[in-house]
Amino acid sequence: QVQLVDSGGGLVQPGGSLRLSCAASGRIFTIYAMNWYRQAPGKQRELVATITSGGTTNYADSVKGRFTISRDNAKNTVCLQMNSLKPEDTAVYYCNAIVNDYVSTQNYWGQGTQVTVSS
C-alpha cells in the first residue's frame, strides 16, 4: 500500500505565491512520473505539471513561467512552487504518482489541497 499526502494550500491574494508539497510513503520500489493536477468547481480535472524520475518537466500552457515542479527522489517528495497566482488558479490541487510497489505499477492520488486566489 502506498499513500500520498499533499499539503500547502491556502488563501492568497492575486500576484502572491504558494508552495505545495506531497510526500509518498509505504511499499515503494520506484516512483516514475510525479504530477500535479487541479480541479476547479464545475470543471474537469486537468494536468498542471509533471516531472519524470530523471527530472524532465512539462507544464500546462496556462502555468508556464509561473509554476515550477521539483522532486526529491531520496525522500519521495514532489513540490509545486506557484508564483504570480491568478484568480483562475483557484482549484483543489492533487498530487499524483505512478508507483511500482514491488507487485505492480499503479496510479496513486493525494487527498487534495485547496488553493484560493482572491483579494
Protein backbone atom coordinates (compact mmCIF):
# COMPACT_ATOMS: atom_id res chain seq x y z
CA GLN A 1 0.00 0.00 0.00
CA VAL A 2 1.25 3.47 -0.93
CA GLN A 3 -0.02 6.76 0.46
CA LEU A 4 0.36 10.28 -0.92
CA VAL A 5 -0.18 13.23 1.40
CA ASP A 6 -0.32 16.67 -0.14
CA SER A 7 -0.31 19.98 1.69
CA GLY A 8 0.45 23.68 1.43
CA GLY A 9 -2.74 25.13 0.02
CA GLY A 10 -4.45 28.23 1.35
CA LEU A 11 -5.84 31.66 0.57
CA VAL A 12 -3.57 34.08 -1.26
CA GLN A 13 -4.04 37.41 -3.00
CA PRO A 14 -3.58 37.74 -6.76
CA GLY A 15 0.12 38.01 -7.57
CA GLY A 16 1.07 36.04 -4.49
CA SER A 17 2.86 32.73 -4.10
CA LEU A 18 2.23 29.33 -2.56
CA ARG A 19 4.28 26.16 -2.34
CA LEU A 20 2.54 22.78 -2.42
CA SER A 21 4.23 19.65 -1.14
CA CYS A 22 3.47 15.96 -1.48
CA ALA A 23 5.10 13.03 0.28
CA ALA A 24 4.79 9.41 -0.78
CA SER A 25 5.17 6.60 1.76
CA GLY A 26 4.60 2.87 2.08
CA ARG A 27 5.84 -0.05 -0.02
CA ILE A 28 7.67 1.84 -2.74
CA PHE A 29 10.11 0.18 -5.11
CA THR A 30 10.31 3.07 -7.51
CA ILE A 31 8.32 6.16 -8.47
CA TYR A 32 8.08 7.03 -12.12
CA ALA A 33 6.33 10.29 -13.04
CA MET A 34 5.06 12.60 -10.31
CA ASN A 35 2.37 15.07 -11.27
CA TRP A 36 0.16 17.85 -10.02
CA TYR A 37 -3.44 18.09 -11.20
CA ARG A 38 -6.12 20.61 -10.30
CA GLN A 39 -9.87 20.72 -10.43
CA ALA A 40 -11.89 23.90 -10.27
CA PRO A 41 -15.61 23.88 -9.41
CA GLY A 42 -17.66 22.69 -12.34
CA LYS A 43 -14.60 21.81 -14.40
CA GLN A 44 -12.73 18.64 -15.27
CA ARG A 45 -9.52 17.72 -13.51
CA GLU A 46 -6.55 18.99 -15.54
CA LEU A 47 -2.85 18.21 -15.55
CA VAL A 48 -0.83 21.18 -14.31
CA ALA A 49 2.75 19.92 -14.20
CA THR A 50 4.69 16.68 -14.47
CA ILE A 51 8.22 15.57 -13.62
CA THR A 52 9.88 12.29 -14.55
CA SER A 53 12.25 10.34 -12.32
CA GLY A 54 15.07 11.82 -14.35
CA GLY A 55 13.88 15.38 -13.76
CA THR A 56 12.28 16.20 -17.10
CA THR A 57 9.41 18.62 -16.57
CA ASN A 58 6.36 19.67 -18.53
CA TYR A 59 3.69 22.28 -17.80
CA ALA A 60 0.24 23.27 -18.90
CA ASP A 61 0.37 26.37 -21.07
CA SER A 62 -1.69 28.28 -18.51
CA VAL A 63 1.02 27.96 -15.83
CA LYS A 64 4.26 28.06 -17.85
CA GLY A 65 6.67 30.62 -16.48
CA ARG A 66 4.76 30.90 -13.19
CA PHE A 67 4.82 27.39 -11.67
CA THR A 68 7.83 25.17 -11.03
CA ILE A 69 7.67 21.47 -10.21
CA SER A 70 10.53 19.73 -8.42
CA ARG A 71 11.12 16.39 -6.71
CA ASP A 72 13.46 14.73 -4.26
CA ASN A 73 13.86 11.10 -5.25
CA ALA A 74 15.61 10.19 -2.00
CA LYS A 75 12.68 11.49 0.07
CA ASN A 76 9.89 10.51 -2.36
CA THR A 77 8.55 14.05 -2.39
CA VAL A 78 7.34 16.45 -5.05
CA CYS A 79 6.70 20.17 -4.74
CA LEU A 80 4.93 22.79 -6.82
CA GLN A 81 6.10 26.38 -6.43
CA MET A 82 3.34 28.67 -7.63
CA ASN A 83 4.16 32.34 -8.29
CA SER A 84 2.18 35.21 -9.78
CA LEU A 85 -1.04 33.48 -8.84
CA LYS A 86 -4.25 34.46 -10.59
CA PRO A 87 -7.89 34.02 -9.56
CA GLU A 88 -8.25 31.41 -12.30
CA ASP A 89 -5.68 29.26 -10.48
CA THR A 90 -8.27 28.67 -7.75
CA ALA A 91 -8.88 24.93 -7.50
CA VAL A 92 -8.27 21.82 -5.47
CA TYR A 93 -4.76 20.63 -6.31
CA TYR A 94 -3.98 16.90 -6.28
CA CYS A 95 -0.64 15.16 -6.16
CA ASN A 96 -0.37 12.08 -8.38
CA ALA A 97 2.36 9.48 -8.76
CA ILE A 98 2.98 6.39 -10.86
CA VAL A 99 4.45 3.91 -8.38
CA ASN A 100 5.81 0.40 -8.52
CA ASP A 101 5.05 -1.17 -5.13
CA TYR A 102 7.03 -4.40 -5.70
CA VAL A 103 3.90 -6.09 -7.03
CA SER A 104 2.59 -3.87 -9.75
CA THR A 105 2.72 -0.34 -11.13
CA GLN A 106 -0.26 1.75 -10.10
CA ASN A 107 -1.56 5.27 -10.14
CA TYR A 108 -1.86 6.91 -6.69
CA TRP A 109 -3.51 10.18 -5.63
CA GLY A 110 -3.21 12.55 -2.71
CA GLN A 111 -6.30 13.77 -0.90
CA GLY A 112 -6.14 17.24 -2.43
CA THR A 113 -5.37 20.69 -1.06
CA GLN A 114 -7.46 23.81 -1.69
CA VAL A 115 -5.84 26.83 -3.33
CA THR A 116 -7.90 30.02 -3.38
CA VAL A 117 -6.64 33.15 -5.11
CA SER A 118 -8.76 36.14 -4.18
CA SER A 119 -8.47 39.70 -2.96
